[in-house]
């Protein structure tokens, strides 16, 4: 550890250790064989079996659903909703990739603002890679291969017509100064691991976010902003001890503000766009004839899990019935 970082890291670790920012795991507090008591979000696309007991945080595992939909109007066609969390365990993305490689067409959330098919722009990749480092997780943009022939980027913000009207939406954080802030934070966090049980601290944050995600009914940058707010709270008593702690707290404040700017497009507008494109793909697949035979039997919509409840309602309105769900562990804490 560098001498420059040691005093702040040591003090921060001490504060973390005395503020309850740790968890216990289900297997540590429950009798062996205790079944999971799953709690679900409103749309039943996210579930979590951790809980709080008084002031104690008991961590479990968070899972995300892959759900099939079918309609009598489109016999033989399956619309597969592949919800995803953008930072998660590496093995989770391996399973997601396998699921996506098994379908005929994937309509996926934008990962390249310039609309280049099959690619992730470097700024987006670096952004999520560094952010995932804050949480001790892997980044979707680094783990998923988008260069498959059956993958098609399908997002309002990457549509050329939309960009012509609105201008290419910047990522807010994907600039040298902001990325420098993030790298400093990850470097600082790396020093804490030598002085404290960083895995439990990371899992405390994941547990808190999983509980909030069920309450908020979806994903947003709120999960990252909340982590930043917790770090700022921990740094507050250290500001008088270290100029660097004060600088880091200010950097975190700026980062939180920039993250808020990323949420300029609401779910509704982007989901409307996807449903329109889904309709076009279905029509093209049967030669634009309602009674035609579909050439694409399984179409996956690969979007953040926070979009799924709205998609569920839209699919129901056009006659699609919800079928079976398959659950994948996105955040393994208890079963790690």
C-alpha atoms as a PDB file:
ATOM      1  CA  UNK A   1       0.000   0.000   0.000  1.00  0.00           C
ATOM      2  CA  UNK A   2       1.342   3.445  -0.833  1.00  0.00           C
ATOM      3  CA  UNK A   3       2.293   5.665   2.119  1.00  0.00           C
ATOM      4  CA  UNK A   4       0.109   8.389   0.634  1.00  0.00           C
ATOM      5  CA  UNK A   5      -3.020   6.225   0.890  1.00  0.00           C
ATOM      6  CA  UNK A   6      -2.318   4.316   4.109  1.00  0.00           C
ATOM      7  CA  UNK A   7      -3.595   6.836   6.714  1.00  0.00           C
ATOM      8  CA  UNK A   8      -6.914   7.375   4.928  1.00  0.00           C
ATOM      9  CA  UNK A   9      -7.367   3.680   4.176  1.00  0.00           C
ATOM     10  CA  UNK A  10      -6.614   2.685   7.762  1.00  0.00           C
ATOM     11  CA  UNK A  11      -9.001   5.263   9.173  1.00  0.00           C
ATOM     12  CA  UNK A  12     -11.705   4.376   6.672  1.00  0.00           C
ATOM     13  CA  UNK A  13     -11.402   0.679   7.478  1.00  0.00           C
ATOM     14  CA  UNK A  14     -11.768   1.480  11.171  1.00  0.00           C
ATOM     15  CA  UNK A  15     -14.877   3.568  10.538  1.00  0.00           C
ATOM     16  CA  UNK A  16     -16.386   0.866   8.317  1.00  0.00           C
ATOM     17  CA  UNK A  17     -15.750  -1.741  10.987  1.00  0.00           C
ATOM     18  CA  UNK A  18     -17.653   0.270  13.593  1.00  0.00           C
ATOM     19  CA  UNK A  19     -20.601   1.423  11.472  1.00  0.00           C
ATOM     20  CA  UNK A  20     -22.147  -1.995  10.889  1.00  0.00           C
ATOM     21  CA  UNK A  21     -21.314  -2.089   7.157  1.00  0.00           C
ATOM     22  CA  UNK A  22     -21.011  -5.876   7.230  1.00  0.00           C
ATOM     23  CA  UNK A  23     -23.342  -8.818   6.796  1.00  0.00           C
ATOM     24  CA  UNK A  24     -23.942 -12.319   7.944  1.00  0.00           C
ATOM     25  CA  UNK A  25     -25.022 -14.983   5.488  1.00  0.00           C
ATOM     26  CA  UNK A  26     -28.076 -17.235   5.594  1.00  0.00           C
ATOM     27  CA  UNK A  27     -25.931 -20.343   6.016  1.00  0.00           C
ATOM     28  CA  UNK A  28     -24.302 -18.759   9.075  1.00  0.00           C
ATOM     29  CA  UNK A  29     -27.532 -18.036  10.962  1.00  0.00           C
ATOM     30  CA  UNK A  30     -30.072 -20.603   9.710  1.00  0.00           C
ATOM     31  CA  UNK A  31     -30.268 -24.357  10.349  1.00  0.00           C
ATOM     32  CA  UNK A  32     -28.918 -26.439   7.474  1.00  0.00           C
ATOM     33  CA  UNK A  33     -31.585 -27.143   4.863  1.00  0.00           C
ATOM     34  CA  UNK A  34     -33.713 -24.069   5.616  1.00  0.00           C
ATOM     35  CA  UNK A  35     -35.631 -23.308   2.375  1.00  0.00           C
ATOM     36  CA  UNK A  36     -35.243 -19.908   0.735  1.00  0.00           C
ATOM     37  CA  UNK A  37     -37.994 -17.399   1.481  1.00  0.00           C
ATOM     38  CA  UNK A  38     -37.984 -15.518  -1.830  1.00  0.00           C
ATOM     39  CA  UNK A  39     -39.201 -11.925  -1.990  1.00  0.00           C
ATOM     40  CA  UNK A  40     -40.166 -10.637  -5.455  1.00  0.00           C
ATOM     41  CA  UNK A  41     -40.404  -7.313  -7.251  1.00  0.00           C
ATOM     42  CA  UNK A  42     -43.839  -6.233  -8.511  1.00  0.00           C
ATOM     43  CA  UNK A  43     -43.417  -7.934 -11.893  1.00  0.00           C
ATOM     44  CA  UNK A  44     -41.789 -11.083 -10.477  1.00  0.00           C
ATOM     45  CA  UNK A  45     -38.661 -10.684 -12.595  1.00  0.00           C
ATOM     46  CA  UNK A  46     -36.271 -10.116  -9.664  1.00  0.00           C
ATOM     47  CA  UNK A  47     -36.150 -12.116  -6.450  1.00  0.00           C
ATOM     48  CA  UNK A  48     -33.984 -12.147  -3.337  1.00  0.00           C
ATOM     49  CA  UNK A  49     -33.846 -14.455  -0.322  1.00  0.00           C
ATOM     50  CA  UNK A  50     -31.863 -12.222   2.025  1.00  0.00           C
ATOM     51  CA  UNK A  51     -33.530 -10.216   4.772  1.00  0.00           C
ATOM     52  CA  UNK A  52     -32.985  -7.967   7.765  1.00  0.00           C
ATOM     53  CA  UNK A  53     -33.405  -9.170  11.332  1.00  0.00           C
ATOM     54  CA  UNK A  54     -33.499  -6.144  13.597  1.00  0.00           C
ATOM     55  CA  UNK A  55     -30.335  -4.253  12.709  1.00  0.00           C
ATOM     56  CA  UNK A  56     -28.666  -7.375  11.319  1.00  0.00           C
ATOM     57  CA  UNK A  57     -28.287  -7.725   7.540  1.00  0.00           C
ATOM     58  CA  UNK A  58     -28.633 -11.369   6.456  1.00  0.00           C
ATOM     59  CA  UNK A  59     -27.416 -11.790   2.868  1.00  0.00           C
ATOM     60  CA  UNK A  60     -28.834 -14.323   0.430  1.00  0.00           C
ATOM     61  CA  UNK A  61     -28.674 -14.551  -3.379  1.00  0.00           C
ATOM     62  CA  UNK A  62     -30.351 -12.304  -5.949  1.00  0.00           C
ATOM     63  CA  UNK A  63     -31.792 -13.941  -9.064  1.00  0.00           C
ATOM     64  CA  UNK A  64     -33.136 -12.559 -12.354  1.00  0.00           C
ATOM     65  CA  UNK A  65     -35.759 -14.294 -14.507  1.00  0.00           C
ATOM     66  CA  UNK A  66     -35.755 -15.334 -18.158  1.00  0.00           C
ATOM     67  CA  UNK A  67     -39.429 -15.566 -19.132  1.00  0.00           C
ATOM     68  CA  UNK A  68     -41.209 -16.874 -22.246  1.00  0.00           C
ATOM     69  CA  UNK A  69     -44.333 -15.372 -23.839  1.00  0.00           C
ATOM     70  CA  UNK A  70     -46.568 -16.845 -26.537  1.00  0.00           C
ATOM     71  CA  UNK A  71     -49.644 -15.699 -28.465  1.00  0.00           C
ATOM     72  CA  UNK A  72     -52.318 -17.578 -30.406  1.00  0.00           C
ATOM     73  CA  UNK A  73     -51.934 -14.863 -33.060  1.00  0.00           C
ATOM     74  CA  UNK A  74     -48.309 -15.937 -33.643  1.00  0.00           C
ATOM     75  CA  UNK A  75     -48.356 -19.754 -33.392  1.00  0.00           C
ATOM     76  CA  UNK A  76     -44.941 -21.304 -33.004  1.00  0.00           C
ATOM     77  CA  UNK A  77     -43.303 -18.016 -31.945  1.00  0.00           C
ATOM     78  CA  UNK A  78     -41.770 -17.456 -28.510  1.00  0.00           C
ATOM     79  CA  UNK A  79     -40.846 -13.976 -27.276  1.00  0.00           C
ATOM     80  CA  UNK A  80     -38.226 -14.575 -24.605  1.00  0.00           C
ATOM     81  CA  UNK A  81     -37.674 -11.733 -22.133  1.00  0.00           C
ATOM     82  CA  UNK A  82     -34.076 -11.948 -20.939  1.00  0.00           C
ATOM     83  CA  UNK A  83     -33.818  -9.503 -18.063  1.00  0.00           C
ATOM     84  CA  UNK A  84     -30.323  -8.612 -16.943  1.00  0.00           C
ATOM     85  CA  UNK A  85     -28.467  -6.670 -14.274  1.00  0.00           C
ATOM     86  CA  UNK A  86     -25.621  -4.638 -15.742  1.00  0.00           C
ATOM     87  CA  UNK A  87     -23.062  -5.533 -13.070  1.00  0.00           C
ATOM     88  CA  UNK A  88     -23.109  -9.089 -11.717  1.00  0.00           C
ATOM     89  CA  UNK A  89     -21.131 -12.273 -11.144  1.00  0.00           C
ATOM     90  CA  UNK A  90     -19.063 -13.458 -14.101  1.00  0.00           C
ATOM     91  CA  UNK A  91     -20.711 -16.905 -14.143  1.00  0.00           C
ATOM     92  CA  UNK A  92     -24.114 -15.229 -14.462  1.00  0.00           C
ATOM     93  CA  UNK A  93     -23.071 -13.627 -17.751  1.00  0.00           C
ATOM     94  CA  UNK A  94     -21.759 -16.963 -19.004  1.00  0.00           C
ATOM     95  CA  UNK A  95     -25.252 -18.414 -18.513  1.00  0.00           C
ATOM     96  CA  UNK A  96     -26.864 -15.349 -20.122  1.00  0.00           C
ATOM     97  CA  UNK A  97     -24.603 -15.702 -23.171  1.00  0.00           C
ATOM     98  CA  UNK A  98     -25.551 -19.359 -23.517  1.00  0.00           C
ATOM     99  CA  UNK A  99     -29.263 -18.485 -23.338  1.00  0.00           C
ATOM    100  CA  UNK A 100     -28.895 -15.766 -25.993  1.00  0.00           C
ATOM    101  CA  UNK A 101     -26.916 -18.019 -28.313  1.00  0.00           C
ATOM    102  CA  UNK A 102     -29.797 -20.514 -28.361  1.00  0.00           C
ATOM    103  CA  UNK A 103     -32.402 -18.171 -29.918  1.00  0.00           C
ATOM    104  CA  UNK A 104     -33.020 -17.012 -33.501  1.00  0.00           C
ATOM    105  CA  UNK A 105     -32.869 -13.254 -32.910  1.00  0.00           C
ATOM    106  CA  UNK A 106     -31.730 -11.015 -30.036  1.00  0.00           C
ATOM    107  CA  UNK A 107     -32.989  -7.423 -29.789  1.00  0.00           C
ATOM    108  CA  UNK A 108     -30.644  -5.839 -27.286  1.00  0.00           C
ATOM    109  CA  UNK A 109     -30.256  -2.657 -25.296  1.00  0.00           C
ATOM    110  CA  UNK A 110     -27.835  -0.134 -26.774  1.00  0.00           C
ATOM    111  CA  UNK A 111     -24.155  -0.578 -25.923  1.00  0.00           C
ATOM    112  CA  UNK A 112     -22.748   1.553 -28.745  1.00  0.00           C
ATOM    113  CA  UNK A 113     -24.087   5.079 -29.112  1.00  0.00           C
ATOM    114  CA  UNK A 114     -22.758   5.231 -32.670  1.00  0.00           C
ATOM    115  CA  UNK A 115     -24.908   2.231 -33.577  1.00  0.00           C
ATOM    116  CA  UNK A 116     -22.045   0.058 -34.823  1.00  0.00           C
ATOM    117  CA  UNK A 117     -23.457  -3.478 -34.935  1.00  0.00           C
ATOM    118  CA  UNK A 118     -21.867  -6.149 -32.779  1.00  0.00           C
ATOM    119  CA  UNK A 119     -19.605  -3.780 -30.847  1.00  0.00           C
ATOM    120  CA  UNK A 120     -19.389  -2.080 -27.474  1.00  0.00           C
ATOM    121  CA  UNK A 121     -17.887   1.380 -27.631  1.00  0.00           C
ATOM    122  CA  UNK A 122     -14.685   1.597 -25.533  1.00  0.00           C
ATOM    123  CA  UNK A 123     -15.988   4.409 -23.329  1.00  0.00           C
ATOM    124  CA  UNK A 124     -19.070   2.400 -22.348  1.00  0.00           C
ATOM    125  CA  UNK A 125     -16.982  -0.708 -21.684  1.00  0.00           C
ATOM    126  CA  UNK A 126     -14.499   1.185 -19.515  1.00  0.00           C
ATOM    127  CA  UNK A 127     -17.269   2.976 -17.638  1.00  0.00           C
ATOM    128  CA  UNK A 128     -19.035  -0.210 -16.544  1.00  0.00           C
ATOM    129  CA  UNK A 129     -15.798  -2.106 -15.935  1.00  0.00           C
ATOM    130  CA  UNK A 130     -14.643   0.530 -13.469  1.00  0.00           C
ATOM    131  CA  UNK A 131     -18.075   0.827 -11.834  1.00  0.00           C
ATOM    132  CA  UNK A 132     -18.204  -2.964 -11.425  1.00  0.00           C
ATOM    133  CA  UNK A 133     -14.884  -2.702  -9.618  1.00  0.00           C
ATOM    134  CA  UNK A 134     -16.606  -0.619  -6.958  1.00  0.00           C
ATOM    135  CA  UNK A 135     -19.031  -3.465  -6.253  1.00  0.00           C
ATOM    136  CA  UNK A 136     -16.632  -6.414  -6.594  1.00  0.00           C
ATOM    137  CA  UNK A 137     -18.518  -7.664  -9.664  1.00  0.00           C
ATOM    138  CA  UNK A 138     -18.086  -8.086 -13.429  1.00  0.00           C
ATOM    139  CA  UNK A 139     -19.531  -5.803 -16.114  1.00  0.00           C
ATOM    140  CA  UNK A 140     -22.084  -6.904 -18.708  1.00  0.00           C
ATOM    141  CA  UNK A 141     -20.309  -4.892 -21.404  1.00  0.00           C
ATOM    142  CA  UNK A 142     -17.081  -6.836 -20.824  1.00  0.00           C
ATOM    143  CA  UNK A 143     -18.591 -10.307 -20.455  1.00  0.00           C
ATOM    144  CA  UNK A 144     -21.277 -10.489 -23.187  1.00  0.00           C
ATOM    145  CA  UNK A 145     -20.258 -11.010 -26.832  1.00  0.00           C
ATOM    146  CA  UNK A 146     -22.390  -8.803 -29.080  1.00  0.00           C
ATOM    147  CA  UNK A 147     -20.742  -9.844 -32.356  1.00  0.00           C
ATOM    148  CA  UNK A 148     -23.156 -12.707 -33.051  1.00  0.00           C
ATOM    149  CA  UNK A 149     -24.932 -12.554 -36.419  1.00  0.00           C
ATOM    150  CA  UNK A 150     -28.355 -12.902 -34.799  1.00  0.00           C
ATOM    151  CA  UNK A 151     -27.811  -9.943 -32.417  1.00  0.00           C
ATOM    152  CA  UNK A 152     -29.468  -6.654 -33.365  1.00  0.00           C
ATOM    153  CA  UNK A 153     -29.056  -3.450 -31.359  1.00  0.00           C
ATOM    154  CA  UNK A 154     -32.532  -2.090 -30.658  1.00  0.00           C
ATOM    155  CA  UNK A 155     -32.625   1.072 -28.570  1.00  0.00           C
ATOM    156  CA  UNK A 156     -34.227   4.466 -29.046  1.00  0.00           C
ATOM    157  CA  UNK A 157     -31.058   6.282 -28.014  1.00  0.00           C
ATOM    158  CA  UNK A 158     -29.026   4.589 -30.775  1.00  0.00           C
ATOM    159  CA  UNK A 159     -31.609   5.134 -33.519  1.00  0.00           C
ATOM    160  CA  UNK A 160     -30.128   7.456 -36.205  1.00  0.00           C
ATOM    161  CA  UNK A 161     -33.385   9.420 -36.535  1.00  0.00           C
ATOM    162  CA  UNK A 162     -33.580  10.000 -32.793  1.00  0.00           C
ATOM    163  CA  UNK A 163     -29.944  11.074 -32.665  1.00  0.00           C
ATOM    164  CA  UNK A 164     -30.532  13.466 -35.559  1.00  0.00           C
ATOM    165  CA  UNK A 165     -33.332  15.126 -33.582  1.00  0.00           C
ATOM    166  CA  UNK A 166     -31.835  14.981 -30.092  1.00  0.00           C
ATOM    167  CA  UNK A 167     -28.101  14.774 -30.698  1.00  0.00           C
ATOM    168  CA  UNK A 168     -26.015  11.766 -29.696  1.00  0.00           C
ATOM    169  CA  UNK A 169     -26.622  11.254 -26.001  1.00  0.00           C
ATOM    170  CA  UNK A 170     -23.391  11.414 -24.069  1.00  0.00           C
ATOM    171  CA  UNK A 171     -22.705   8.929 -21.317  1.00  0.00           C
ATOM    172  CA  UNK A 172     -22.010  11.700 -18.838  1.00  0.00           C
ATOM    173  CA  UNK A 173     -19.252   9.717 -17.150  1.00  0.00           C
ATOM    174  CA  UNK A 174     -17.359   8.531 -20.204  1.00  0.00           C
ATOM    175  CA  UNK A 175     -14.841  11.361 -20.303  1.00  0.00           C
ATOM    176  CA  UNK A 176     -11.215  11.415 -19.115  1.00  0.00           C
ATOM    177  CA  UNK A 177     -11.866  13.510 -16.012  1.00  0.00           C
ATOM    178  CA  UNK A 178     -14.810  11.426 -14.819  1.00  0.00           C
ATOM    179  CA  UNK A 179     -13.033   8.146 -15.547  1.00  0.00           C
ATOM    180  CA  UNK A 180     -10.067   9.446 -13.594  1.00  0.00           C
ATOM    181  CA  UNK A 181     -12.400   9.997 -10.636  1.00  0.00           C
ATOM    182  CA  UNK A 182     -13.680   6.444 -10.866  1.00  0.00           C
ATOM    183  CA  UNK A 183     -10.206   4.948 -11.135  1.00  0.00           C
ATOM    184  CA  UNK A 184      -9.093   6.890  -8.043  1.00  0.00           C
ATOM    185  CA  UNK A 185     -12.064   5.536  -6.117  1.00  0.00           C
ATOM    186  CA  UNK A 186     -11.375   1.941  -7.177  1.00  0.00           C
ATOM    187  CA  UNK A 187      -7.688   2.372  -6.292  1.00  0.00           C
ATOM    188  CA  UNK A 188      -8.636   3.699  -2.862  1.00  0.00           C
ATOM    189  CA  UNK A 189     -11.091   0.849  -2.359  1.00  0.00           C
ATOM    190  CA  UNK A 190      -8.358  -1.626  -3.236  1.00  0.00           C
ATOM    191  CA  UNK A 191      -6.288  -0.387  -0.306  1.00  0.00           C
ATOM    192  CA  UNK A 192      -9.103  -1.040   2.167  1.00  0.00           C
ATOM    193  CA  UNK A 193      -9.056  -4.743   1.367  1.00  0.00           C
ATOM    194  CA  UNK A 194      -5.711  -5.083   3.137  1.00  0.00           C
ATOM    195  CA  UNK A 195      -7.238  -3.791   6.359  1.00  0.00           C
ATOM    196  CA  UNK A 196     -10.817  -5.067   6.427  1.00  0.00           C
ATOM    197  CA  UNK A 197     -13.114  -7.836   5.167  1.00  0.00           C
ATOM    198  CA  UNK A 198     -13.886  -6.118   1.882  1.00  0.00           C
ATOM    199  CA  UNK A 199     -15.980  -9.035   0.593  1.00  0.00           C
ATOM    200  CA  UNK A 200     -18.445  -8.657   3.454  1.00  0.00           C
ATOM    201  CA  UNK A 201     -18.534  -4.907   2.924  1.00  0.00           C
ATOM    202  CA  UNK A 202     -19.274  -5.409  -0.776  1.00  0.00           C
ATOM    203  CA  UNK A 203     -21.962  -7.938   0.105  1.00  0.00           C
ATOM    204  CA  UNK A 204     -23.462  -5.489   2.588  1.00  0.00           C
ATOM    205  CA  UNK A 205     -23.883  -3.042  -0.284  1.00  0.00           C
ATOM    206  CA  UNK A 206     -25.295  -5.747  -2.586  1.00  0.00           C
ATOM    207  CA  UNK A 207     -27.729  -6.846   0.127  1.00  0.00           C
ATOM    208  CA  UNK A 208     -28.894  -3.251   0.618  1.00  0.00           C
ATOM    209  CA  UNK A 209     -29.319  -2.784  -3.126  1.00  0.00           C
ATOM    210  CA  UNK A 210     -31.207  -6.066  -3.564  1.00  0.00           C
ATOM    211  CA  UNK A 211     -33.677  -5.050  -0.854  1.00  0.00           C
ATOM    212  CA  UNK A 212     -34.127  -1.616  -2.443  1.00  0.00           C
ATOM    213  CA  UNK A 213     -34.519  -3.041  -5.946  1.00  0.00           C
ATOM    214  CA  UNK A 214     -37.527  -5.059  -4.817  1.00  0.00           C
ATOM    215  CA  UNK A 215     -39.025  -1.922  -3.282  1.00  0.00           C
ATOM    216  CA  UNK A 216     -38.209   0.352  -6.242  1.00  0.00           C
ATOM    217  CA  UNK A 217     -39.394  -2.302  -8.715  1.00  0.00           C
ATOM    218  CA  UNK A 218     -36.436  -2.083 -11.044  1.00  0.00           C
ATOM    219  CA  UNK A 219     -32.870  -1.113 -11.817  1.00  0.00           C
ATOM    220  CA  UNK A 220     -31.425   2.338 -12.240  1.00  0.00           C
ATOM    221  CA  UNK A 221     -28.267   4.232 -11.401  1.00  0.00           C
ATOM    222  CA  UNK A 222     -29.816   4.580  -7.935  1.00  0.00           C
ATOM    223  CA  UNK A 223     -28.006   1.383  -6.890  1.00  0.00           C
ATOM    224  CA  UNK A 224     -24.639   2.957  -7.716  1.00  0.00           C
ATOM    225  CA  UNK A 225     -25.558   6.370  -6.317  1.00  0.00           C
ATOM    226  CA  UNK A 226     -26.605   4.790  -3.038  1.00  0.00           C
ATOM    227  CA  UNK A 227     -23.227   3.056  -2.766  1.00  0.00           C
ATOM    228  CA  UNK A 228     -21.529   6.391  -3.431  1.00  0.00           C
ATOM    229  CA  UNK A 229     -23.636   8.077  -0.739  1.00  0.00           C
ATOM    230  CA  UNK A 230     -22.599   5.389   1.744  1.00  0.00           C
ATOM    231  CA  UNK A 231     -18.933   5.964   0.898  1.00  0.00           C
ATOM    232  CA  UNK A 232     -19.396   9.717   1.335  1.00  0.00           C
ATOM    233  CA  UNK A 233     -20.977   9.165   4.751  1.00  0.00           C
ATOM    234  CA  UNK A 234     -18.038   7.031   5.822  1.00  0.00           C
ATOM    235  CA  UNK A 235     -15.553   9.639   4.576  1.00  0.00           C
ATOM    236  CA  UNK A 236     -17.243  12.555   6.354  1.00  0.00           C
ATOM    237  CA  UNK A 237     -15.521  12.094   9.770  1.00  0.00           C
ATOM    238  CA  UNK A 238     -12.162  11.635   8.022  1.00  0.00           C
ATOM    239  CA  UNK A 239     -12.144  14.976   6.194  1.00  0.00           C
ATOM    240  CA  UNK A 240     -10.503  16.817   9.085  1.00  0.00           C
ATOM    241  CA  UNK A 241      -7.833  14.112   9.360  1.00  0.00           C
ATOM    242  CA  UNK A 242      -6.863  14.033   5.715  1.00  0.00           C
ATOM    243  CA  UNK A 243      -7.011  16.475   2.830  1.00  0.00           C
ATOM    244  CA  UNK A 244      -7.192  13.503   0.477  1.00  0.00           C
ATOM    245  CA  UNK A 245     -10.326  12.203   2.205  1.00  0.00           C
ATOM    246  CA  UNK A 246     -11.963  15.588   1.604  1.00  0.00           C
ATOM    247  CA  UNK A 247     -10.937  15.536  -2.044  1.00  0.00           C
ATOM    248  CA  UNK A 248     -12.286  12.013  -2.491  1.00  0.00           C
ATOM    249  CA  UNK A 249     -15.590  12.989  -0.855  1.00  0.00           C
ATOM    250  CA  UNK A 250     -15.919  15.896  -3.295  1.00  0.00           C
ATOM    251  CA  UNK A 251     -15.101  13.622  -6.245  1.00  0.00           C
ATOM    252  CA  UNK A 252     -17.803  11.221  -5.088  1.00  0.00           C
ATOM    253  CA  UNK A 253     -20.309  14.065  -4.877  1.00  0.00           C
ATOM    254  CA  UNK A 254     -19.521  15.086  -8.460  1.00  0.00           C
ATOM    255  CA  UNK A 255     -19.791  11.477  -9.600  1.00  0.00           C
ATOM    256  CA  UNK A 256     -23.222  11.110  -8.003  1.00  0.00           C
ATOM    257  CA  UNK A 257     -24.460  14.233  -9.808  1.00  0.00           C
ATOM    258  CA  UNK A 258     -23.186  12.965 -13.158  1.00  0.00           C
ATOM    259  CA  UNK A 259     -24.872   9.607 -12.639  1.00  0.00           C
ATOM    260  CA  UNK A 260     -28.213  11.349 -12.162  1.00  0.00           C
ATOM    261  CA  UNK A 261     -27.796  12.946 -15.587  1.00  0.00           C
ATOM    262  CA  UNK A 262     -27.630   9.486 -17.168  1.00  0.00           C
ATOM    263  CA  UNK A 263     -31.320   8.919 -16.380  1.00  0.00           C
ATOM    264  CA  UNK A 264     -32.740  11.351 -18.917  1.00  0.00           C
ATOM    265  CA  UNK A 265     -34.690   8.753 -20.893  1.00  0.00           C
ATOM    266  CA  UNK A 266     -37.548   7.011 -19.128  1.00  0.00           C
ATOM    267  CA  UNK A 267     -38.331   3.320 -19.541  1.00  0.00           C
ATOM    268  CA  UNK A 268     -41.639   3.994 -21.285  1.00  0.00           C
ATOM    269  CA  UNK A 269     -40.203   5.682 -24.388  1.00  0.00           C
ATOM    270  CA  UNK A 270     -37.490   3.098 -24.933  1.00  0.00           C
ATOM    271  CA  UNK A 271     -39.852   0.171 -24.393  1.00  0.00           C
ATOM    272  CA  UNK A 272     -42.339   1.635 -26.882  1.00  0.00           C
ATOM    273  CA  UNK A 273     -39.536   1.704 -29.432  1.00  0.00           C
ATOM    274  CA  UNK A 274     -38.601  -1.940 -28.762  1.00  0.00           C
ATOM    275  CA  UNK A 275     -42.216  -3.090 -29.102  1.00  0.00           C
ATOM    276  CA  UNK A 276     -42.485  -1.290 -32.429  1.00  0.00           C
ATOM    277  CA  UNK A 277     -39.340  -3.038 -33.684  1.00  0.00           C
ATOM    278  CA  UNK A 278     -40.585  -6.380 -32.359  1.00  0.00           C
ATOM    279  CA  UNK A 279     -43.758  -5.925 -34.415  1.00  0.00           C
ATOM    280  CA  UNK A 280     -41.679  -5.212 -37.508  1.00  0.00           C
ATOM    281  CA  UNK A 281     -39.562  -8.334 -36.944  1.00  0.00           C
ATOM    282  CA  UNK A 282     -42.655 -10.498 -36.478  1.00  0.00           C
ATOM    283  CA  UNK A 283     -44.217  -9.110 -39.663  1.00  0.00           C
ATOM    284  CA  UNK A 284     -41.005  -9.569 -41.644  1.00  0.00           C
ATOM    285  CA  UNK A 285     -40.627 -13.105 -40.322  1.00  0.00           C
ATOM    286  CA  UNK A 286     -43.990 -14.166 -41.728  1.00  0.00           C
ATOM    287  CA  UNK A 287     -43.671 -12.198 -44.950  1.00  0.00           C
ATOM    288  CA  UNK A 288     -45.886  -9.410 -43.569  1.00  0.00           C
ATOM    289  CA  UNK A 289     -48.885 -11.771 -43.758  1.00  0.00           C
ATOM    290  CA  UNK A 290     -50.748 -12.417 -40.471  1.00  0.00           C
ATOM    291  CA  UNK A 291     -51.309 -16.043 -41.457  1.00  0.00           C
ATOM    292  CA  UNK A 292     -47.796 -16.615 -42.698  1.00  0.00           C
ATOM    293  CA  UNK A 293     -45.302 -18.987 -41.119  1.00  0.00           C
ATOM    294  CA  UNK A 294     -42.739 -17.372 -38.840  1.00  0.00           C
ATOM    295  CA  UNK A 295     -39.117 -17.851 -39.824  1.00  0.00           C
ATOM    296  CA  UNK A 296     -37.794 -16.710 -36.442  1.00  0.00           C
ATOM    297  CA  UNK A 297     -39.211 -19.074 -33.826  1.00  0.00           C
ATOM    298  CA  UNK A 298     -37.606 -17.570 -30.708  1.00  0.00           C
ATOM    299  CA  UNK A 299     -36.989 -13.825 -30.400  1.00  0.00           C
ATOM    300  CA  UNK A 300     -35.196 -12.618 -27.274  1.00  0.00           C
ATOM    301  CA  UNK A 301     -35.498  -9.098 -25.890  1.00  0.00           C
ATOM    302  CA  UNK A 302     -32.315  -8.542 -23.887  1.00  0.00           C
ATOM    303  CA  UNK A 303     -32.790  -5.527 -21.608  1.00  0.00           C
ATOM    304  CA  UNK A 304     -32.242  -4.413 -18.041  1.00  0.00           C
ATOM    305  CA  UNK A 305     -34.503  -6.192 -15.555  1.00  0.00           C
ATOM    306  CA  UNK A 306     -36.043  -2.853 -14.617  1.00  0.00           C
ATOM    307  CA  UNK A 307     -37.694  -2.733 -18.056  1.00  0.00           C
ATOM    308  CA  UNK A 308     -39.421  -6.102 -17.707  1.00  0.00           C
ATOM    309  CA  UNK A 309     -42.587  -5.190 -15.778  1.00  0.00           C
ATOM    310  CA  UNK A 310     -43.478  -2.582 -18.400  1.00  0.00           C
ATOM    311  CA  UNK A 311     -42.708  -5.050 -21.213  1.00  0.00           C
ATOM    312  CA  UNK A 312     -44.929  -7.626 -19.501  1.00  0.00           C
ATOM    313  CA  UNK A 313     -47.878  -5.218 -19.595  1.00  0.00           C
ATOM    314  CA  UNK A 314     -47.247  -4.288 -23.240  1.00  0.00           C
ATOM    315  CA  UNK A 315     -47.011  -7.915 -24.343  1.00  0.00           C
ATOM    316  CA  UNK A 316     -50.273  -8.738 -22.551  1.00  0.00           C
ATOM    317  CA  UNK A 317     -52.032  -5.932 -24.448  1.00  0.00           C
ATOM    318  CA  UNK A 318     -51.133  -7.502 -27.803  1.00  0.00           C
ATOM    319  CA  UNK A 319     -52.197 -10.986 -26.768  1.00  0.00           C
ATOM    320  CA  UNK A 320     -49.042 -12.583 -25.398  1.00  0.00           C
ATOM    321  CA  UNK A 321     -49.441 -14.804 -22.346  1.00  0.00           C
ATOM    322  CA  UNK A 322     -46.700 -15.245 -19.818  1.00  0.00           C
ATOM    323  CA  UNK A 323     -45.269 -18.745 -19.530  1.00  0.00           C
ATOM    324  CA  UNK A 324     -42.491 -20.361 -17.547  1.00  0.00           C
ATOM    325  CA  UNK A 325     -39.557 -18.516 -16.002  1.00  0.00           C
ATOM    326  CA  UNK A 326     -36.005 -19.716 -15.507  1.00  0.00           C
ATOM    327  CA  UNK A 327     -34.046 -18.092 -12.683  1.00  0.00           C
ATOM    328  CA  UNK A 328     -30.329 -17.272 -12.840  1.00  0.00           C
ATOM    329  CA  UNK A 329     -28.230 -16.181  -9.870  1.00  0.00           C
ATOM    330  CA  UNK A 330     -26.877 -12.709 -10.613  1.00  0.00           C
ATOM    331  CA  UNK A 331     -25.401 -11.905  -7.197  1.00  0.00           C
ATOM    332  CA  UNK A 332     -24.181 -14.917  -5.238  1.00  0.00           C
ATOM    333  CA  UNK A 333     -23.556 -13.990  -1.640  1.00  0.00           C
ATOM    334  CA  UNK A 334     -24.902 -16.805   0.539  1.00  0.00           C
ATOM    335  CA  UNK A 335     -24.114 -19.599  -1.948  1.00  0.00           C
ATOM    336  CA  UNK A 336     -20.736 -18.289  -3.100  1.00  0.00           C
END
